Amino acid sequence: MSMATLLIPNSFTTKLPGPRYCHRRFTCSSATTQSRSAKEHLLALIADQDRGLRTQSDPLKRAAIVEAIDAMAAVGSGSVTTGDSLSATWRLLWTTEKEQLFIIEKAPLFGTRAGDVLQVIDVRNGTLNNVITFPPDGVFFVRSSIEVASPQRVNFRFTSAVLRGKNWEIPLPPFGQGW
C-alpha cells in the first residue's frame, strides 16, 4: 500500500499564486481554476480527519482523499515541484504514514499532545527535517538528506533522529529512505 502525505506551507493562506506554467491541454486560466477547485475539494475532504487519524478506520474516506490527491497531481503534471519554491517550512495536514500517525495518536500516553507536525525543506542545501512538537517543551526531530531526482520527485535518506524534552535528550537510530 502506498503512503500519501499532504503538507502546506506553514504560512498558509487561502490565496493561491498565479499560474507558473501553461500545460498545452489547458489555458493558464483553466489550469488555475482546475487547480483551485481540486485544492478546495481536497481541503474539504481532510478538514475533519485529524491529520489522518480518523481516515485509518474509514477506507472509503481514505480512497476519496487519495483520489483527490491524484486529481491535483494530474492538474500539475507539467509543473516543476522540486525547485526553490519547495524550500519552506510545511505544516502536515494529512498523512497515511503509520509512524507519524502512531506518534500523534499516542502522545497523550506521555502526558502531552502532538502539536505542530512540520517538514522543513531546503533544496539548495539538500536537507529535509521532520519535526513533531509536544507542547510545551518536547520535540521529535529527524534530519534527512535530499536529492532532486526529477522535476517532481525528491529522494530522501534519514541521517539522524532525536527525542527531546525540557531537560533531556534521547538520540535514536535513523532508518528509512524514500521519495
N, C-alpha and C. Protein backbone atom coordinates (compact mmCIF):
# COMPACT_ATOMS: atom_id res chain seq x y z
N MET A 1 0.85 -1.17 0.00
CA MET A 1 0.00 0.00 0.00
C MET A 1 0.90 1.23 0.00
N SER A 2 0.59 2.21 -0.80
CA SER A 2 1.41 3.40 -0.88
C SER A 2 1.05 4.37 0.24
N MET A 3 2.00 5.26 0.54
CA MET A 3 1.81 6.25 1.57
C MET A 3 1.52 7.59 0.90
N ALA A 4 0.65 8.37 1.49
CA ALA A 4 0.35 9.71 0.98
C ALA A 4 0.42 10.70 2.11
N THR A 5 0.95 11.87 1.82
CA THR A 5 1.06 12.93 2.80
C THR A 5 0.70 14.24 2.14
N LEU A 6 -0.04 15.07 2.86
CA LEU A 6 -0.40 16.39 2.37
C LEU A 6 0.18 17.42 3.31
N LEU A 7 1.07 18.27 2.77
CA LEU A 7 1.70 19.33 3.53
C LEU A 7 1.36 20.65 2.86
N ILE A 8 1.28 21.70 3.66
CA ILE A 8 1.10 23.04 3.11
C ILE A 8 2.12 23.95 3.74
N PRO A 9 2.46 25.07 3.09
CA PRO A 9 3.41 25.99 3.72
C PRO A 9 2.87 26.42 5.08
N ASN A 10 3.75 26.56 6.04
CA ASN A 10 3.33 26.90 7.39
C ASN A 10 2.63 28.26 7.44
N SER A 11 2.97 29.15 6.52
CA SER A 11 2.31 30.45 6.48
C SER A 11 1.12 30.38 5.53
N PHE A 12 0.35 29.31 5.60
CA PHE A 12 -0.75 29.02 4.69
C PHE A 12 -1.81 30.10 4.70
N THR A 13 -2.21 30.48 3.49
CA THR A 13 -3.38 31.33 3.32
C THR A 13 -4.21 30.69 2.22
N THR A 14 -5.42 31.11 2.09
CA THR A 14 -6.27 30.52 1.07
C THR A 14 -6.06 31.16 -0.30
N LYS A 15 -5.24 32.19 -0.39
CA LYS A 15 -4.96 32.81 -1.67
C LYS A 15 -3.95 31.95 -2.43
N LEU A 16 -4.25 31.65 -3.67
CA LEU A 16 -3.35 30.87 -4.49
C LEU A 16 -2.53 31.80 -5.37
N PRO A 17 -1.25 31.45 -5.61
CA PRO A 17 -0.45 32.27 -6.51
C PRO A 17 -0.95 32.08 -7.94
N GLY A 18 -0.57 32.99 -8.78
CA GLY A 18 -0.91 32.86 -10.20
C GLY A 18 -0.23 31.65 -10.80
N PRO A 19 -0.62 31.27 -11.99
CA PRO A 19 -0.05 30.08 -12.62
C PRO A 19 1.44 30.27 -12.89
N ARG A 20 2.21 29.18 -12.73
CA ARG A 20 3.64 29.23 -13.01
C ARG A 20 3.95 28.60 -14.36
N TYR A 21 2.99 27.98 -14.97
CA TYR A 21 3.22 27.32 -16.24
C TYR A 21 1.90 27.23 -16.97
N CYS A 22 1.99 26.88 -18.23
CA CYS A 22 0.79 26.60 -19.03
C CYS A 22 0.99 25.25 -19.67
N HIS A 23 0.19 24.30 -19.35
CA HIS A 23 0.23 22.99 -19.98
C HIS A 23 -0.50 23.09 -21.30
N ARG A 24 -0.04 22.35 -22.31
CA ARG A 24 -0.62 22.51 -23.63
C ARG A 24 -2.09 22.13 -23.70
N ARG A 25 -2.60 21.32 -22.77
CA ARG A 25 -4.01 20.95 -22.79
C ARG A 25 -4.90 21.98 -22.11
N PHE A 26 -4.31 22.90 -21.37
CA PHE A 26 -5.08 23.87 -20.61
C PHE A 26 -4.61 25.28 -20.95
N THR A 27 -5.49 26.20 -20.88
CA THR A 27 -5.05 27.59 -20.86
C THR A 27 -4.59 27.88 -19.45
N CYS A 28 -3.83 28.94 -19.27
CA CYS A 28 -3.36 29.27 -17.92
C CYS A 28 -4.54 29.47 -16.98
N SER A 29 -5.57 30.15 -17.42
CA SER A 29 -6.70 30.41 -16.52
C SER A 29 -7.46 29.14 -16.20
N SER A 30 -7.59 28.22 -17.16
CA SER A 30 -8.31 26.98 -16.83
C SER A 30 -7.48 26.09 -15.92
N ALA A 31 -6.15 26.11 -16.07
CA ALA A 31 -5.29 25.33 -15.17
C ALA A 31 -5.40 25.88 -13.75
N THR A 32 -5.41 27.20 -13.61
CA THR A 32 -5.54 27.80 -12.29
C THR A 32 -6.90 27.48 -11.68
N THR A 33 -7.95 27.54 -12.46
CA THR A 33 -9.29 27.22 -11.97
C THR A 33 -9.38 25.77 -11.56
N GLN A 34 -8.83 24.88 -12.39
CA GLN A 34 -8.83 23.46 -12.05
C GLN A 34 -8.02 23.19 -10.79
N SER A 35 -6.88 23.84 -10.68
CA SER A 35 -6.02 23.66 -9.51
C SER A 35 -6.73 24.14 -8.25
N ARG A 36 -7.34 25.31 -8.32
CA ARG A 36 -8.04 25.87 -7.16
C ARG A 36 -9.20 24.95 -6.75
N SER A 37 -9.96 24.48 -7.71
CA SER A 37 -11.08 23.59 -7.43
C SER A 37 -10.61 22.29 -6.80
N ALA A 38 -9.55 21.70 -7.36
CA ALA A 38 -9.01 20.44 -6.83
C ALA A 38 -8.49 20.64 -5.41
N LYS A 39 -7.82 21.77 -5.17
CA LYS A 39 -7.28 22.06 -3.84
C LYS A 39 -8.40 22.24 -2.83
N GLU A 40 -9.42 23.01 -3.19
CA GLU A 40 -10.55 23.24 -2.28
C GLU A 40 -11.27 21.93 -1.96
N HIS A 41 -11.44 21.07 -2.97
CA HIS A 41 -12.08 19.77 -2.75
C HIS A 41 -11.26 18.93 -1.78
N LEU A 42 -9.95 18.88 -1.99
CA LEU A 42 -9.08 18.10 -1.11
C LEU A 42 -9.09 18.65 0.32
N LEU A 43 -8.98 19.95 0.47
CA LEU A 43 -9.00 20.54 1.81
C LEU A 43 -10.32 20.26 2.53
N ALA A 44 -11.42 20.26 1.79
CA ALA A 44 -12.72 19.93 2.40
C ALA A 44 -12.76 18.47 2.85
N LEU A 45 -12.18 17.58 2.06
CA LEU A 45 -12.17 16.16 2.42
C LEU A 45 -11.36 15.88 3.69
N ILE A 46 -10.26 16.59 3.88
CA ILE A 46 -9.38 16.29 5.02
C ILE A 46 -9.68 17.13 6.25
N ALA A 47 -10.57 18.11 6.14
CA ALA A 47 -10.81 19.07 7.22
C ALA A 47 -11.12 18.42 8.56
N ASP A 48 -11.86 17.32 8.57
CA ASP A 48 -12.27 16.69 9.83
C ASP A 48 -11.54 15.37 10.09
N GLN A 49 -10.39 15.16 9.47
CA GLN A 49 -9.71 13.87 9.56
C GLN A 49 -8.56 13.81 10.57
N ASP A 50 -8.37 14.85 11.37
CA ASP A 50 -7.36 14.86 12.44
C ASP A 50 -6.01 14.35 11.95
N ARG A 51 -5.53 14.97 10.88
CA ARG A 51 -4.24 14.68 10.24
C ARG A 51 -4.14 13.26 9.68
N GLY A 52 -5.23 12.56 9.58
CA GLY A 52 -5.24 11.20 9.05
C GLY A 52 -5.62 10.14 10.07
N LEU A 53 -5.72 10.52 11.34
CA LEU A 53 -6.07 9.55 12.38
C LEU A 53 -7.44 8.94 12.12
N ARG A 54 -8.42 9.75 11.77
CA ARG A 54 -9.77 9.24 11.53
C ARG A 54 -9.86 8.44 10.23
N THR A 55 -9.03 8.78 9.28
CA THR A 55 -9.05 8.11 7.98
C THR A 55 -8.59 6.66 8.09
N GLN A 56 -7.79 6.35 9.12
CA GLN A 56 -7.29 4.97 9.27
C GLN A 56 -8.42 3.96 9.39
N SER A 57 -9.53 4.38 9.96
CA SER A 57 -10.65 3.45 10.16
C SER A 57 -11.78 3.68 9.15
N ASP A 58 -11.52 4.45 8.10
CA ASP A 58 -12.54 4.74 7.11
C ASP A 58 -11.95 4.59 5.70
N PRO A 59 -11.92 3.36 5.18
CA PRO A 59 -11.29 3.13 3.87
C PRO A 59 -11.95 3.89 2.72
N LEU A 60 -13.25 4.16 2.82
CA LEU A 60 -13.91 4.91 1.75
C LEU A 60 -13.45 6.37 1.75
N LYS A 61 -13.32 6.96 2.92
CA LYS A 61 -12.84 8.33 3.02
C LYS A 61 -11.39 8.42 2.56
N ARG A 62 -10.58 7.46 2.98
CA ARG A 62 -9.17 7.42 2.56
C ARG A 62 -9.07 7.35 1.04
N ALA A 63 -9.86 6.49 0.42
CA ALA A 63 -9.84 6.35 -1.04
C ALA A 63 -10.24 7.66 -1.72
N ALA A 64 -11.23 8.35 -1.17
CA ALA A 64 -11.67 9.63 -1.74
C ALA A 64 -10.56 10.67 -1.64
N ILE A 65 -9.85 10.68 -0.52
CA ILE A 65 -8.76 11.64 -0.33
C ILE A 65 -7.61 11.34 -1.29
N VAL A 66 -7.24 10.08 -1.41
CA VAL A 66 -6.16 9.70 -2.32
C VAL A 66 -6.55 10.03 -3.76
N GLU A 67 -7.80 9.81 -4.11
CA GLU A 67 -8.28 10.17 -5.45
C GLU A 67 -8.19 11.68 -5.67
N ALA A 68 -8.50 12.47 -4.66
CA ALA A 68 -8.40 13.93 -4.77
C ALA A 68 -6.93 14.37 -4.90
N ILE A 69 -6.03 13.70 -4.21
CA ILE A 69 -4.60 13.98 -4.35
C ILE A 69 -4.15 13.66 -5.77
N ASP A 70 -4.59 12.53 -6.29
CA ASP A 70 -4.24 12.15 -7.67
C ASP A 70 -4.79 13.17 -8.67
N ALA A 71 -5.98 13.71 -8.41
CA ALA A 71 -6.55 14.72 -9.31
C ALA A 71 -5.70 15.99 -9.30
N MET A 72 -5.22 16.39 -8.12
CA MET A 72 -4.34 17.56 -8.06
C MET A 72 -3.04 17.29 -8.80
N ALA A 73 -2.50 16.10 -8.65
CA ALA A 73 -1.26 15.74 -9.34
C ALA A 73 -1.45 15.79 -10.86
N ALA A 74 -2.60 15.36 -11.34
CA ALA A 74 -2.88 15.39 -12.78
C ALA A 74 -2.92 16.82 -13.29
N VAL A 75 -3.54 17.71 -12.53
CA VAL A 75 -3.61 19.12 -12.95
C VAL A 75 -2.22 19.73 -13.02
N GLY A 76 -1.34 19.34 -12.12
CA GLY A 76 0.01 19.90 -12.07
C GLY A 76 1.07 19.05 -12.75
N SER A 77 0.66 18.13 -13.60
CA SER A 77 1.60 17.17 -14.17
C SER A 77 2.75 17.79 -14.95
N GLY A 78 2.59 18.97 -15.49
CA GLY A 78 3.66 19.60 -16.25
C GLY A 78 4.51 20.56 -15.46
N SER A 79 4.22 20.75 -14.20
CA SER A 79 4.93 21.75 -13.40
C SER A 79 6.18 21.17 -12.74
N VAL A 80 7.07 22.07 -12.34
CA VAL A 80 8.25 21.70 -11.58
C VAL A 80 7.93 21.93 -10.11
N THR A 81 8.01 20.89 -9.31
CA THR A 81 7.69 20.99 -7.89
C THR A 81 8.91 20.78 -6.99
N THR A 82 10.07 20.67 -7.60
CA THR A 82 11.29 20.38 -6.83
C THR A 82 12.28 21.53 -6.84
N GLY A 83 11.84 22.71 -7.28
CA GLY A 83 12.72 23.88 -7.34
C GLY A 83 12.78 24.60 -6.01
N ASP A 84 13.30 25.82 -6.06
CA ASP A 84 13.47 26.62 -4.84
C ASP A 84 12.17 26.87 -4.09
N SER A 85 11.03 26.86 -4.80
CA SER A 85 9.75 27.11 -4.12
C SER A 85 9.41 25.98 -3.15
N LEU A 86 10.05 24.83 -3.26
CA LEU A 86 9.83 23.73 -2.31
C LEU A 86 10.50 24.04 -0.97
N SER A 87 11.51 24.90 -0.98
CA SER A 87 12.23 25.26 0.24
C SER A 87 11.33 26.13 1.12
N ALA A 88 10.89 25.56 2.23
CA ALA A 88 9.98 26.27 3.14
C ALA A 88 9.76 25.39 4.36
N THR A 89 9.02 25.92 5.31
CA THR A 89 8.53 25.13 6.43
C THR A 89 7.09 24.77 6.10
N TRP A 90 6.80 23.47 6.03
CA TRP A 90 5.49 22.96 5.63
C TRP A 90 4.82 22.32 6.83
N ARG A 91 3.53 22.57 6.99
CA ARG A 91 2.75 22.00 8.09
C ARG A 91 1.95 20.81 7.57
N LEU A 92 2.02 19.69 8.28
CA LEU A 92 1.29 18.48 7.90
C LEU A 92 -0.20 18.67 8.11
N LEU A 93 -0.97 18.41 7.07
CA LEU A 93 -2.43 18.44 7.19
C LEU A 93 -3.01 17.04 7.24
N TRP A 94 -2.41 16.10 6.49
CA TRP A 94 -2.97 14.75 6.40
C TRP A 94 -1.89 13.80 5.93
N THR A 95 -1.90 12.58 6.44
CA THR A 95 -0.94 11.57 6.00
C THR A 95 -1.50 10.17 6.22
N THR A 96 -0.92 9.21 5.51
CA THR A 96 -1.18 7.79 5.77
C THR A 96 0.07 7.15 6.40
N GLU A 97 1.10 7.94 6.66
CA GLU A 97 2.35 7.42 7.18
C GLU A 97 2.15 6.92 8.61
N LYS A 98 2.26 5.61 8.78
CA LYS A 98 1.90 4.95 10.04
C LYS A 98 2.72 5.42 11.24
N GLU A 99 4.02 5.63 11.07
CA GLU A 99 4.84 6.03 12.21
C GLU A 99 4.44 7.42 12.71
N GLN A 100 4.20 8.36 11.80
CA GLN A 100 3.77 9.69 12.22
C GLN A 100 2.41 9.62 12.91
N LEU A 101 1.49 8.87 12.34
CA LEU A 101 0.16 8.76 12.95
C LEU A 101 0.24 8.10 14.33
N PHE A 102 1.10 7.12 14.49
CA PHE A 102 1.29 6.45 15.78
C PHE A 102 1.77 7.46 16.83
N ILE A 103 2.78 8.26 16.47
CA ILE A 103 3.32 9.25 17.42
C ILE A 103 2.25 10.28 17.78
N ILE A 104 1.51 10.76 16.79
CA ILE A 104 0.45 11.76 17.05
C ILE A 104 -0.61 11.17 17.96
N GLU A 105 -1.02 9.94 17.67
CA GLU A 105 -2.10 9.31 18.44
C GLU A 105 -1.68 8.96 19.87
N LYS A 106 -0.44 8.53 20.07
CA LYS A 106 -0.01 8.03 21.37
C LYS A 106 0.61 9.09 22.28
N ALA A 107 0.76 10.31 21.82
CA ALA A 107 1.36 11.38 22.63
C ALA A 107 0.70 11.51 24.00
N PRO A 108 -0.64 11.39 24.14
CA PRO A 108 -1.26 11.52 25.47
C PRO A 108 -0.77 10.49 26.49
N LEU A 109 -0.27 9.34 26.04
CA LEU A 109 0.27 8.35 26.96
C LEU A 109 1.48 8.89 27.72
N PHE A 110 2.12 9.91 27.16
CA PHE A 110 3.30 10.50 27.78
C PHE A 110 2.98 11.84 28.42
N GLY A 111 1.70 12.11 28.65
CA GLY A 111 1.29 13.32 29.34
C GLY A 111 1.33 14.57 28.49
N THR A 112 1.28 14.42 27.20
CA THR A 112 1.33 15.57 26.31
C THR A 112 0.39 15.34 25.14
N ARG A 113 0.48 16.18 24.16
CA ARG A 113 -0.26 16.01 22.92
C ARG A 113 0.69 16.39 21.80
N ALA A 114 0.41 15.92 20.61
CA ALA A 114 1.20 16.34 19.46
C ALA A 114 0.78 17.75 19.08
N GLY A 115 1.75 18.60 18.92
CA GLY A 115 1.49 19.96 18.46
C GLY A 115 1.64 20.00 16.95
N ASP A 116 2.37 20.97 16.46
CA ASP A 116 2.60 21.06 15.02
C ASP A 116 3.45 19.89 14.54
N VAL A 117 3.14 19.44 13.36
CA VAL A 117 3.95 18.45 12.66
C VAL A 117 4.43 19.16 11.41
N LEU A 118 5.75 19.33 11.32
CA LEU A 118 6.33 20.17 10.28
C LEU A 118 7.37 19.41 9.47
N GLN A 119 7.58 19.90 8.25
CA GLN A 119 8.69 19.47 7.42
C GLN A 119 9.39 20.73 6.96
N VAL A 120 10.68 20.82 7.24
CA VAL A 120 11.48 21.97 6.86
C VAL A 120 12.40 21.52 5.73
N ILE A 121 12.18 22.08 4.55
CA ILE A 121 12.91 21.64 3.36
C ILE A 121 13.79 22.78 2.86
N ASP A 122 15.05 22.44 2.56
CA ASP A 122 15.99 23.38 1.95
C ASP A 122 16.62 22.67 0.76
N VAL A 123 16.09 22.94 -0.43
CA VAL A 123 16.55 22.25 -1.64
C VAL A 123 18.02 22.55 -1.93
N ARG A 124 18.42 23.81 -1.84
CA ARG A 124 19.81 24.20 -2.17
C ARG A 124 20.82 23.52 -1.26
N ASN A 125 20.49 23.38 0.03
CA ASN A 125 21.42 22.73 0.97
C ASN A 125 21.20 21.23 1.07
N GLY A 126 20.18 20.70 0.38
CA GLY A 126 19.94 19.26 0.36
C GLY A 126 19.49 18.69 1.69
N THR A 127 18.62 19.44 2.42
CA THR A 127 18.17 18.95 3.72
C THR A 127 16.65 18.93 3.81
N LEU A 128 16.17 18.00 4.59
CA LEU A 128 14.75 17.88 4.93
C LEU A 128 14.71 17.47 6.40
N ASN A 129 14.00 18.23 7.21
CA ASN A 129 13.87 17.91 8.63
C ASN A 129 12.41 17.71 8.98
N ASN A 130 12.09 16.58 9.59
CA ASN A 130 10.74 16.32 10.09
C ASN A 130 10.72 16.68 11.57
N VAL A 131 9.68 17.41 11.98
CA VAL A 131 9.58 17.90 13.35
C VAL A 131 8.17 17.63 13.86
N ILE A 132 8.07 16.91 14.97
CA ILE A 132 6.79 16.76 15.66
C ILE A 132 6.96 17.40 17.02
N THR A 133 6.17 18.44 17.30
CA THR A 133 6.30 19.14 18.57
C THR A 133 5.34 18.54 19.60
N PHE A 134 5.79 18.60 20.87
CA PHE A 134 4.99 18.16 22.00
C PHE A 134 4.99 19.28 23.04
N PRO A 135 4.01 20.17 22.97
CA PRO A 135 3.98 21.32 23.88
C PRO A 135 3.97 20.89 25.34
N PRO A 136 4.63 21.60 26.22
CA PRO A 136 5.28 22.87 25.94
C PRO A 136 6.75 22.76 25.56
N ASP A 137 7.43 21.64 25.86
CA ASP A 137 8.89 21.62 25.71
C ASP A 137 9.45 20.46 24.90
N GLY A 138 8.64 19.60 24.32
CA GLY A 138 9.17 18.41 23.67
C GLY A 138 9.16 18.50 22.15
N VAL A 139 10.04 17.69 21.56
CA VAL A 139 10.12 17.62 20.10
C VAL A 139 10.73 16.29 19.67
N PHE A 140 10.22 15.76 18.58
CA PHE A 140 10.84 14.61 17.90
C PHE A 140 11.36 15.18 16.61
N PHE A 141 12.67 15.06 16.38
CA PHE A 141 13.33 15.73 15.27
C PHE A 141 14.11 14.70 14.45
N VAL A 142 13.82 14.62 13.16
CA VAL A 142 14.51 13.69 12.27
C VAL A 142 15.14 14.49 11.13
N ARG A 143 16.45 14.37 11.00
CA ARG A 143 17.18 15.02 9.91
C ARG A 143 17.29 14.05 8.73
N SER A 144 17.27 14.63 7.52
CA SER A 144 17.41 13.85 6.30
C SER A 144 18.23 14.62 5.29
N SER A 145 18.88 13.88 4.41
CA SER A 145 19.48 14.49 3.24
C SER A 145 18.53 14.26 2.08
N ILE A 146 18.50 15.20 1.14
CA ILE A 146 17.63 15.06 -0.03
C ILE A 146 18.43 15.27 -1.31
N GLU A 147 17.88 14.71 -2.37
CA GLU A 147 18.46 14.87 -3.70
C GLU A 147 17.31 14.97 -4.69
N VAL A 148 17.33 16.01 -5.51
CA VAL A 148 16.30 16.17 -6.54
C VAL A 148 16.54 15.09 -7.59
N ALA A 149 15.51 14.26 -7.82
CA ALA A 149 15.62 13.15 -8.77
C ALA A 149 14.96 13.47 -10.11
N SER A 150 13.99 14.37 -10.11
CA SER A 150 13.27 14.73 -11.33
C SER A 150 12.52 16.03 -11.06
N PRO A 151 11.86 16.59 -12.06
CA PRO A 151 11.11 17.83 -11.83
C PRO A 151 10.00 17.71 -10.78
N GLN A 152 9.58 16.48 -10.45
CA GLN A 152 8.51 16.30 -9.47
C GLN A 152 8.84 15.27 -8.39
N ARG A 153 10.11 14.94 -8.24
CA ARG A 153 10.45 13.94 -7.22
C ARG A 153 11.75 14.30 -6.51
N VAL A 154 11.72 14.19 -5.17
CA VAL A 154 12.89 14.39 -4.33
C VAL A 154 13.08 13.11 -3.53
N ASN A 155 14.29 12.54 -3.60
CA ASN A 155 14.62 11.37 -2.80
C ASN A 155 15.18 11.84 -1.46
N PHE A 156 14.90 11.08 -0.38
CA PHE A 156 15.43 11.44 0.94
C PHE A 156 16.02 10.21 1.61
N ARG A 157 16.94 10.48 2.55
CA ARG A 157 17.54 9.44 3.39
C ARG A 157 17.70 10.03 4.79
N PHE A 158 17.10 9.36 5.80
CA PHE A 158 17.22 9.83 7.17
C PHE A 158 18.68 9.73 7.61
N THR A 159 19.16 10.76 8.33
CA THR A 159 20.55 10.77 8.78
C THR A 159 20.69 10.81 10.30
N SER A 160 19.70 11.34 11.02
CA SER A 160 19.75 11.34 12.49
C SER A 160 18.35 11.59 13.04
N ALA A 161 18.17 11.18 14.29
CA ALA A 161 16.88 11.39 14.96
C ALA A 161 17.13 11.60 16.44
N VAL A 162 16.28 12.44 17.05
CA VAL A 162 16.41 12.71 18.47
C VAL A 162 15.02 13.02 19.05
N LEU A 163 14.79 12.55 20.25
CA LEU A 163 13.60 12.89 21.02
C LEU A 163 14.07 13.75 22.18
N ARG A 164 13.53 14.99 22.27
CA ARG A 164 13.97 15.93 23.29
C ARG A 164 12.82 16.35 24.18
N GLY A 165 13.14 16.48 25.47
CA GLY A 165 12.22 17.07 26.43
C GLY A 165 12.86 18.31 27.01
N LYS A 166 12.28 18.84 28.07
CA LYS A 166 12.79 20.10 28.64
C LYS A 166 14.24 19.97 29.10
N ASN A 167 14.56 18.89 29.80
CA ASN A 167 15.91 18.73 30.36
C ASN A 167 16.55 17.41 29.98
N TRP A 168 16.14 16.84 28.87
CA TRP A 168 16.69 15.55 28.48
C TRP A 168 16.66 15.40 26.96
N GLU A 169 17.45 14.44 26.47
CA GLU A 169 17.53 14.17 25.04
C GLU A 169 17.90 12.71 24.83
N ILE A 170 17.19 12.05 23.93
CA ILE A 170 17.48 10.66 23.61
C ILE A 170 17.75 10.56 22.11
N PRO A 171 19.01 10.28 21.73
CA PRO A 171 19.29 10.07 20.31
C PRO A 171 18.70 8.72 19.88
N LEU A 172 18.16 8.69 18.69
CA LEU A 172 17.56 7.47 18.16
C LEU A 172 18.22 7.12 16.83
N PRO A 173 18.28 5.85 16.51
CA PRO A 173 18.89 5.49 15.23
C PRO A 173 17.97 5.87 14.07
N PRO A 174 18.53 6.59 13.08
CA PRO A 174 17.71 6.93 11.92
C PRO A 174 17.59 5.72 11.01
N PHE A 175 16.43 5.52 10.46
CA PHE A 175 16.29 4.47 9.46
C PHE A 175 15.24 4.90 8.47
N GLY A 176 15.47 4.57 7.24
CA GLY A 176 14.50 4.86 6.21
C GLY A 176 15.00 5.76 5.12
N GLN A 177 14.39 5.57 3.99
CA GLN A 177 14.64 6.41 2.82
C GLN A 177 13.42 6.28 1.92
N GLY A 178 13.29 7.18 1.01
CA GLY A 178 12.14 7.15 0.12
C GLY A 178 12.13 8.35 -0.80
N TRP A 179 10.95 8.72 -1.25
CA TRP A 179 10.81 9.90 -2.11
C TRP A 179 9.58 10.67 -1.74
